């Protein structure tokens, strides 16, 4: 989400991403680590769903299709404010 906001054009370039997403890849190109990209997306998405549902964690876990205990672990892992 942050990259979309700060992008100069419709295309997001590697230079506009946080450095932690860059790693030398094939042919010397720099590419984001899939795990890091996934975790950043997951954290942002969970935070969005929590906010949209007034912090109702039971409802959020149902919407996300995960156990309530899994949601609590992810909230702690990503330090999501509820």
PDB file of N, CA and C in Angstrom:
ATOM      1  N   UNK A   1       0.828  -1.196   0.000  1.00  0.00           N
ATOM      2  CA  UNK A   1       0.000   0.000   0.000  1.00  0.00           C
ATOM      3  C   UNK A   1       0.871   1.258   0.000  1.00  0.00           C
ATOM      4  N   UNK A   2       1.940   1.195   0.790  1.00  0.00           N
ATOM      5  CA  UNK A   2       2.837   2.342   0.878  1.00  0.00           C
ATOM      6  C   UNK A   2       3.458   2.639  -0.487  1.00  0.00           C
ATOM      7  N   UNK A   3       3.868   1.596  -1.201  1.00  0.00           N
ATOM      8  CA  UNK A   3       4.493   1.778  -2.507  1.00  0.00           C
ATOM      9  C   UNK A   3       3.520   2.423  -3.491  1.00  0.00           C
ATOM     10  N   UNK A   4       2.261   2.052  -3.413  1.00  0.00           N
ATOM     11  CA  UNK A   4       1.255   2.642  -4.300  1.00  0.00           C
ATOM     12  C   UNK A   4       1.125   4.138  -4.030  1.00  0.00           C
ATOM     13  N   UNK A   5       1.165   4.511  -2.765  1.00  0.00           N
ATOM     14  CA  UNK A   5       1.022   5.915  -2.389  1.00  0.00           C
ATOM     15  C   UNK A   5       2.219   6.747  -2.844  1.00  0.00           C
ATOM     16  N   UNK A   6       3.435   6.201  -2.699  1.00  0.00           N
ATOM     17  CA  UNK A   6       4.622   7.005  -3.012  1.00  0.00           C
ATOM     18  C   UNK A   6       5.100   6.860  -4.456  1.00  0.00           C
ATOM     19  N   UNK A   7       4.491   5.945  -5.217  1.00  0.00           N
ATOM     20  CA  UNK A   7       4.924   5.740  -6.606  1.00  0.00           C
ATOM     21  C   UNK A   7       4.695   6.999  -7.428  1.00  0.00           C
ATOM     22  N   UNK A   8       5.677   7.284  -8.270  1.00  0.00           N
ATOM     23  CA  UNK A   8       5.573   8.455  -9.148  1.00  0.00           C
ATOM     24  C   UNK A   8       4.643   8.198 -10.328  1.00  0.00           C
ATOM     25  N   UNK A   9       4.616   6.979 -10.794  1.00  0.00           N
ATOM     26  CA  UNK A   9       3.801   6.600 -11.950  1.00  0.00           C
ATOM     27  C   UNK A   9       2.909   5.425 -11.581  1.00  0.00           C
ATOM     28  N   UNK A  10       2.282   4.840 -12.598  1.00  0.00           N
ATOM     29  CA  UNK A  10       1.471   3.657 -12.363  1.00  0.00           C
ATOM     30  C   UNK A  10       2.328   2.433 -12.094  1.00  0.00           C
ATOM     31  N   UNK A  11       3.595   2.494 -12.478  1.00  0.00           N
ATOM     32  CA  UNK A  11       4.521   1.383 -12.292  1.00  0.00           C
ATOM     33  C   UNK A  11       5.355   1.607 -11.041  1.00  0.00           C
ATOM     34  N   UNK A  12       5.353   0.616 -10.149  1.00  0.00           N
ATOM     35  CA  UNK A  12       6.166   0.688  -8.936  1.00  0.00           C
ATOM     36  C   UNK A  12       7.518   0.066  -9.258  1.00  0.00           C
ATOM     37  N   UNK A  13       8.577   0.818  -9.013  1.00  0.00           N
ATOM     38  CA  UNK A  13       9.920   0.323  -9.296  1.00  0.00           C
ATOM     39  C   UNK A  13      10.577  -0.184  -8.019  1.00  0.00           C
ATOM     40  N   UNK A  14      11.637  -0.967  -8.180  1.00  0.00           N
ATOM     41  CA  UNK A  14      12.370  -1.515  -7.044  1.00  0.00           C
ATOM     42  C   UNK A  14      12.904  -0.394  -6.163  1.00  0.00           C
ATOM     43  N   UNK A  15      13.282   0.727  -6.760  1.00  0.00           N
ATOM     44  CA  UNK A  15      13.821   1.853  -5.999  1.00  0.00           C
ATOM     45  C   UNK A  15      12.804   2.425  -5.011  1.00  0.00           C
ATOM     46  N   UNK A  16      11.535   2.197  -5.264  1.00  0.00           N
ATOM     47  CA  UNK A  16      10.494   2.739  -4.392  1.00  0.00           C
ATOM     48  C   UNK A  16      10.103   1.775  -3.262  1.00  0.00           C
ATOM     49  N   UNK A  17      10.685   0.577  -3.257  1.00  0.00           N
ATOM     50  CA  UNK A  17      10.399  -0.401  -2.217  1.00  0.00           C
ATOM     51  C   UNK A  17      11.426  -0.314  -1.106  1.00  0.00           C
ATOM     52  N   UNK A  18      11.060  -0.702   0.115  1.00  0.00           N
ATOM     53  CA  UNK A  18      12.041  -0.731   1.202  1.00  0.00           C
ATOM     54  C   UNK A  18      13.196  -1.661   0.846  1.00  0.00           C
ATOM     55  N   UNK A  19      14.373  -1.332   1.298  1.00  0.00           N
ATOM     56  CA  UNK A  19      15.578  -2.088   0.959  1.00  0.00           C
ATOM     57  C   UNK A  19      15.493  -3.557   1.369  1.00  0.00           C
ATOM     58  N   UNK A  20      14.742  -3.854   2.432  1.00  0.00           N
ATOM     59  CA  UNK A  20      14.666  -5.238   2.894  1.00  0.00           C
ATOM     60  C   UNK A  20      14.012  -6.166   1.873  1.00  0.00           C
ATOM     61  N   UNK A  21      13.335  -5.600   0.874  1.00  0.00           N
ATOM     62  CA  UNK A  21      12.704  -6.412  -0.161  1.00  0.00           C
ATOM     63  C   UNK A  21      13.649  -6.727  -1.314  1.00  0.00           C
ATOM     64  N   UNK A  22      14.801  -6.149  -1.300  1.00  0.00           N
ATOM     65  CA  UNK A  22      15.728  -6.338  -2.407  1.00  0.00           C
ATOM     66  C   UNK A  22      16.755  -7.423  -2.080  1.00  0.00           C
ATOM     67  N   UNK A  23      16.990  -8.270  -3.048  1.00  0.00           N
ATOM     68  CA  UNK A  23      17.986  -9.324  -2.917  1.00  0.00           C
ATOM     69  C   UNK A  23      18.466  -9.654  -4.323  1.00  0.00           C
ATOM     70  N   UNK A  24      19.769  -9.834  -4.506  1.00  0.00           N
ATOM     71  CA  UNK A  24      20.231 -10.181  -5.840  1.00  0.00           C
ATOM     72  C   UNK A  24      19.505 -11.414  -6.342  1.00  0.00           C
ATOM     73  N   UNK A  25      19.003 -11.327  -7.543  1.00  0.00           N
ATOM     74  CA  UNK A  25      18.269 -12.444  -8.129  1.00  0.00           C
ATOM     75  C   UNK A  25      18.953 -12.935  -9.384  1.00  0.00           C
ATOM     76  N   UNK A  26      18.194 -13.570 -10.191  1.00  0.00           N
ATOM     77  CA  UNK A  26      18.714 -14.137 -11.429  1.00  0.00           C
ATOM     78  C   UNK A  26      19.263 -13.025 -12.327  1.00  0.00           C
ATOM     79  N   UNK A  27      20.349 -13.256 -12.966  1.00  0.00           N
ATOM     80  CA  UNK A  27      20.990 -12.304 -13.884  1.00  0.00           C
ATOM     81  C   UNK A  27      21.345 -10.989 -13.208  1.00  0.00           C
ATOM     82  N   UNK A  28      21.584 -11.018 -11.889  1.00  0.00           N
ATOM     83  CA  UNK A  28      22.008  -9.824 -11.177  1.00  0.00           C
ATOM     84  C   UNK A  28      20.905  -8.825 -10.906  1.00  0.00           C
ATOM     85  N   UNK A  29      19.682  -9.142 -11.306  1.00  0.00           N
ATOM     86  CA  UNK A  29      18.576  -8.221 -11.026  1.00  0.00           C
ATOM     87  C   UNK A  29      18.204  -8.292  -9.558  1.00  0.00           C
ATOM     88  N   UNK A  30      17.578  -7.251  -9.095  1.00  0.00           N
ATOM     89  CA  UNK A  30      17.139  -7.213  -7.704  1.00  0.00           C
ATOM     90  C   UNK A  30      15.658  -7.550  -7.679  1.00  0.00           C
ATOM     91  N   UNK A  31      15.262  -8.469  -6.786  1.00  0.00           N
ATOM     92  CA  UNK A  31      13.861  -8.851  -6.704  1.00  0.00           C
ATOM     93  C   UNK A  31      13.453  -8.953  -5.244  1.00  0.00           C
ATOM     94  N   UNK A  32      12.170  -8.687  -4.960  1.00  0.00           N
ATOM     95  CA  UNK A  32      11.712  -8.788  -3.566  1.00  0.00           C
ATOM     96  C   UNK A  32      11.701 -10.247  -3.118  1.00  0.00           C
ATOM     97  N   UNK A  33      11.984 -10.442  -1.865  1.00  0.00           N
ATOM     98  CA  UNK A  33      11.860 -11.783  -1.301  1.00  0.00           C
ATOM     99  C   UNK A  33      10.379 -12.090  -1.150  1.00  0.00           C
ATOM    100  N   UNK A  34       9.961 -13.209  -1.662  1.00  0.00           N
ATOM    101  CA  UNK A  34       8.546 -13.565  -1.635  1.00  0.00           C
ATOM    102  C   UNK A  34       8.003 -13.609  -0.217  1.00  0.00           C
ATOM    103  N   UNK A  35       8.763 -14.160   0.703  1.00  0.00           N
ATOM    104  CA  UNK A  35       8.307 -14.258   2.088  1.00  0.00           C
ATOM    105  C   UNK A  35       8.054 -12.876   2.685  1.00  0.00           C
ATOM    106  N   UNK A  36       8.982 -11.939   2.453  1.00  0.00           N
ATOM    107  CA  UNK A  36       8.818 -10.584   2.984  1.00  0.00           C
ATOM    108  C   UNK A  36       7.612  -9.885   2.368  1.00  0.00           C
ATOM    109  N   UNK A  37       7.445 -10.040   1.062  1.00  0.00           N
ATOM    110  CA  UNK A  37       6.304  -9.418   0.384  1.00  0.00           C
ATOM    111  C   UNK A  37       4.993 -10.000   0.904  1.00  0.00           C
ATOM    112  N   UNK A  38       4.980 -11.309   1.083  1.00  0.00           N
ATOM    113  CA  UNK A  38       3.777 -11.975   1.587  1.00  0.00           C
ATOM    114  C   UNK A  38       3.435 -11.483   2.995  1.00  0.00           C
ATOM    115  N   UNK A  39       4.442 -11.422   3.859  1.00  0.00           N
ATOM    116  CA  UNK A  39       4.188 -11.000   5.237  1.00  0.00           C
ATOM    117  C   UNK A  39       3.723  -9.552   5.316  1.00  0.00           C
ATOM    118  N   UNK A  40       4.304  -8.683   4.488  1.00  0.00           N
ATOM    119  CA  UNK A  40       3.863  -7.283   4.515  1.00  0.00           C
ATOM    120  C   UNK A  40       2.418  -7.169   4.041  1.00  0.00           C
ATOM    121  N   UNK A  41       2.074  -7.898   2.986  1.00  0.00           N
ATOM    122  CA  UNK A  41       0.701  -7.880   2.496  1.00  0.00           C
ATOM    123  C   UNK A  41      -0.252  -8.443   3.548  1.00  0.00           C
ATOM    124  N   UNK A  42       0.137  -9.582   4.140  1.00  0.00           N
ATOM    125  CA  UNK A  42      -0.716 -10.227   5.139  1.00  0.00           C
ATOM    126  C   UNK A  42      -0.972  -9.296   6.320  1.00  0.00           C
ATOM    127  N   UNK A  43       0.070  -8.654   6.815  1.00  0.00           N
ATOM    128  CA  UNK A  43      -0.084  -7.743   7.951  1.00  0.00           C
ATOM    129  C   UNK A  43      -1.019  -6.591   7.608  1.00  0.00           C
ATOM    130  N   UNK A  44      -0.828  -5.995   6.435  1.00  0.00           N
ATOM    131  CA  UNK A  44      -1.667  -4.866   6.019  1.00  0.00           C
ATOM    132  C   UNK A  44      -3.113  -5.307   5.833  1.00  0.00           C
ATOM    133  N   UNK A  45      -3.311  -6.488   5.265  1.00  0.00           N
ATOM    134  CA  UNK A  45      -4.662  -6.977   5.014  1.00  0.00           C
ATOM    135  C   UNK A  45      -5.390  -7.289   6.320  1.00  0.00           C
ATOM    136  N   UNK A  46      -4.699  -7.944   7.237  1.00  0.00           N
ATOM    137  CA  UNK A  46      -5.315  -8.245   8.532  1.00  0.00           C
ATOM    138  C   UNK A  46      -5.679  -6.955   9.253  1.00  0.00           C
ATOM    139  N   UNK A  47      -4.770  -5.986   9.247  1.00  0.00           N
ATOM    140  CA  UNK A  47      -5.038  -4.707   9.907  1.00  0.00           C
ATOM    141  C   UNK A  47      -6.251  -4.028   9.289  1.00  0.00           C
ATOM    142  N   UNK A  48      -6.376  -4.086   7.971  1.00  0.00           N
ATOM    143  CA  UNK A  48      -7.515  -3.482   7.273  1.00  0.00           C
ATOM    144  C   UNK A  48      -8.822  -4.164   7.677  1.00  0.00           C
ATOM    145  N   UNK A  49      -8.836  -5.493   7.690  1.00  0.00           N
ATOM    146  CA  UNK A  49     -10.061  -6.225   8.035  1.00  0.00           C
ATOM    147  C   UNK A  49     -10.436  -5.992   9.496  1.00  0.00           C
ATOM    148  N   UNK A  50      -9.444  -5.947  10.380  1.00  0.00           N
ATOM    149  CA  UNK A  50      -9.711  -5.659  11.796  1.00  0.00           C
ATOM    150  C   UNK A  50     -10.350  -4.274  11.939  1.00  0.00           C
ATOM    151  N   UNK A  51      -9.780  -3.285  11.259  1.00  0.00           N
ATOM    152  CA  UNK A  51     -10.298  -1.914  11.346  1.00  0.00           C
ATOM    153  C   UNK A  51     -11.713  -1.819  10.771  1.00  0.00           C
ATOM    154  N   UNK A  52     -11.951  -2.491   9.667  1.00  0.00           N
ATOM    155  CA  UNK A  52     -13.274  -2.444   9.025  1.00  0.00           C
ATOM    156  C   UNK A  52     -14.361  -3.110   9.865  1.00  0.00           C
ATOM    157  N   UNK A  53     -13.950  -3.977  10.773  1.00  0.00           N
ATOM    158  CA  UNK A  53     -14.925  -4.715  11.577  1.00  0.00           C
ATOM    159  C   UNK A  53     -14.863  -4.364  13.050  1.00  0.00           C
ATOM    160  N   UNK A  54     -14.381  -3.174  13.334  1.00  0.00           N
ATOM    161  CA  UNK A  54     -14.405  -2.649  14.696  1.00  0.00           C
ATOM    162  C   UNK A  54     -13.620  -3.462  15.703  1.00  0.00           C
ATOM    163  N   UNK A  55     -12.629  -4.206  15.242  1.00  0.00           N
ATOM    164  CA  UNK A  55     -11.808  -4.979  16.160  1.00  0.00           C
ATOM    165  C   UNK A  55     -12.445  -6.279  16.641  1.00  0.00           C
ATOM    166  N   UNK A  56     -13.571  -6.664  16.044  1.00  0.00           N
ATOM    167  CA  UNK A  56     -14.258  -7.910  16.427  1.00  0.00           C
ATOM    168  C   UNK A  56     -13.447  -9.091  15.893  1.00  0.00           C
ATOM    169  N   UNK A  57     -12.591  -9.648  16.746  1.00  0.00           N
ATOM    170  CA  UNK A  57     -11.648 -10.671  16.309  1.00  0.00           C
ATOM    171  C   UNK A  57     -12.328 -11.969  15.882  1.00  0.00           C
ATOM    172  N   UNK A  58     -13.417 -12.336  16.522  1.00  0.00           N
ATOM    173  CA  UNK A  58     -14.141 -13.542  16.099  1.00  0.00           C
ATOM    174  C   UNK A  58     -14.668 -13.382  14.683  1.00  0.00           C
ATOM    175  N   UNK A  59     -15.250 -12.235  14.395  1.00  0.00           N
ATOM    176  CA  UNK A  59     -15.762 -11.964  13.061  1.00  0.00           C
ATOM    177  C   UNK A  59     -14.612 -11.915  12.044  1.00  0.00           C
ATOM    178  N   UNK A  60     -13.530 -11.256  12.418  1.00  0.00           N
ATOM    179  CA  UNK A  60     -12.370 -11.144  11.523  1.00  0.00           C
ATOM    180  C   UNK A  60     -11.818 -12.520  11.191  1.00  0.00           C
ATOM    181  N   UNK A  61     -11.717 -13.401  12.189  1.00  0.00           N
ATOM    182  CA  UNK A  61     -11.193 -14.746  11.931  1.00  0.00           C
ATOM    183  C   UNK A  61     -12.095 -15.509  10.959  1.00  0.00           C
ATOM    184  N   UNK A  62     -13.404 -15.315  11.069  1.00  0.00           N
ATOM    185  CA  UNK A  62     -14.337 -15.957  10.140  1.00  0.00           C
ATOM    186  C   UNK A  62     -14.192 -15.391   8.737  1.00  0.00           C
ATOM    187  N   UNK A  63     -14.062 -14.076   8.634  1.00  0.00           N
ATOM    188  CA  UNK A  63     -13.894 -13.429   7.330  1.00  0.00           C
ATOM    189  C   UNK A  63     -12.617 -13.913   6.650  1.00  0.00           C
ATOM    190  N   UNK A  64     -11.544 -14.025   7.438  1.00  0.00           N
ATOM    191  CA  UNK A  64     -10.256 -14.434   6.887  1.00  0.00           C
ATOM    192  C   UNK A  64     -10.154 -15.947   6.686  1.00  0.00           C
ATOM    193  N   UNK A  65     -11.072 -16.692   7.297  1.00  0.00           N
ATOM    194  CA  UNK A  65     -11.051 -18.141   7.157  1.00  0.00           C
ATOM    195  C   UNK A  65      -9.930 -18.805   7.940  1.00  0.00           C
ATOM    196  N   UNK A  66      -9.612 -18.212   9.097  1.00  0.00           N
ATOM    197  CA  UNK A  66      -8.568 -18.778   9.961  1.00  0.00           C
ATOM    198  C   UNK A  66      -9.115 -18.932  11.374  1.00  0.00           C
ATOM    199  N   UNK A  67      -8.483 -19.814  12.142  1.00  0.00           N
ATOM    200  CA  UNK A  67      -8.873 -19.995  13.541  1.00  0.00           C
ATOM    201  C   UNK A  67      -8.600 -18.713  14.324  1.00  0.00           C
ATOM    202  N   UNK A  68      -9.385 -18.506  15.367  1.00  0.00           N
ATOM    203  CA  UNK A  68      -9.205 -17.338  16.222  1.00  0.00           C
ATOM    204  C   UNK A  68      -7.805 -17.321  16.833  1.00  0.00           C
ATOM    205  N   UNK A  69      -7.300 -18.483  17.232  1.00  0.00           N
ATOM    206  CA  UNK A  69      -5.951 -18.540  17.810  1.00  0.00           C
ATOM    207  C   UNK A  69      -4.887 -18.149  16.783  1.00  0.00           C
ATOM    208  N   UNK A  70      -5.096 -18.501  15.531  1.00  0.00           N
ATOM    209  CA  UNK A  70      -4.169 -18.116  14.463  1.00  0.00           C
ATOM    210  C   UNK A  70      -4.198 -16.600  14.274  1.00  0.00           C
ATOM    211  N   UNK A  71      -5.394 -16.026  14.322  1.00  0.00           N
ATOM    212  CA  UNK A  71      -5.511 -14.572  14.197  1.00  0.00           C
ATOM    213  C   UNK A  71      -4.762 -13.878  15.320  1.00  0.00           C
ATOM    214  N   UNK A  72      -4.924 -14.354  16.550  1.00  0.00           N
ATOM    215  CA  UNK A  72      -4.215 -13.748  17.680  1.00  0.00           C
ATOM    216  C   UNK A  72      -2.700 -13.839  17.498  1.00  0.00           C
ATOM    217  N   UNK A  73      -2.207 -14.987  17.001  1.00  0.00           N
ATOM    218  CA  UNK A  73      -0.763 -15.130  16.754  1.00  0.00           C
ATOM    219  C   UNK A  73      -0.277 -14.131  15.709  1.00  0.00           C
ATOM    220  N   UNK A  74      -1.050 -13.966  14.651  1.00  0.00           N
ATOM    221  CA  UNK A  74      -0.659 -13.044  13.582  1.00  0.00           C
ATOM    222  C   UNK A  74      -0.725 -11.596  14.061  1.00  0.00           C
ATOM    223  N   UNK A  75      -1.711 -11.262  14.874  1.00  0.00           N
ATOM    224  CA  UNK A  75      -1.821  -9.913  15.431  1.00  0.00           C
ATOM    225  C   UNK A  75      -0.582  -9.618  16.273  1.00  0.00           C
ATOM    226  N   UNK A  76      -0.170 -10.596  17.068  1.00  0.00           N
ATOM    227  CA  UNK A  76       1.031 -10.416  17.889  1.00  0.00           C
ATOM    228  C   UNK A  76       2.287 -10.332  17.016  1.00  0.00           C
ATOM    229  N   UNK A  77       2.409 -11.236  16.060  1.00  0.00           N
ATOM    230  CA  UNK A  77       3.582 -11.275  15.179  1.00  0.00           C
ATOM    231  C   UNK A  77       3.779  -9.952  14.453  1.00  0.00           C
ATOM    232  N   UNK A  78       2.696  -9.400  13.911  1.00  0.00           N
ATOM    233  CA  UNK A  78       2.778  -8.175  13.117  1.00  0.00           C
ATOM    234  C   UNK A  78       2.550  -6.916  13.938  1.00  0.00           C
ATOM    235  N   UNK A  79       2.362  -7.075  15.241  1.00  0.00           N
ATOM    236  CA  UNK A  79       2.139  -5.946  16.142  1.00  0.00           C
ATOM    237  C   UNK A  79       0.994  -5.063  15.644  1.00  0.00           C
ATOM    238  N   UNK A  80      -0.127  -5.697  15.360  1.00  0.00           N
ATOM    239  CA  UNK A  80      -1.305  -5.004  14.834  1.00  0.00           C
ATOM    240  C   UNK A  80      -2.085  -4.411  16.009  1.00  0.00           C
ATOM    241  N   UNK A  81      -2.400  -3.146  15.908  1.00  0.00           N
ATOM    242  CA  UNK A  81      -3.184  -2.465  16.940  1.00  0.00           C
ATOM    243  C   UNK A  81      -4.654  -2.683  16.667  1.00  0.00           C
ATOM    244  N   UNK A  82      -5.379  -3.134  17.681  1.00  0.00           N
ATOM    245  CA  UNK A  82      -6.812  -3.427  17.519  1.00  0.00           C
ATOM    246  C   UNK A  82      -7.658  -2.412  18.261  1.00  0.00           C
TER     247      UNK A  82
END
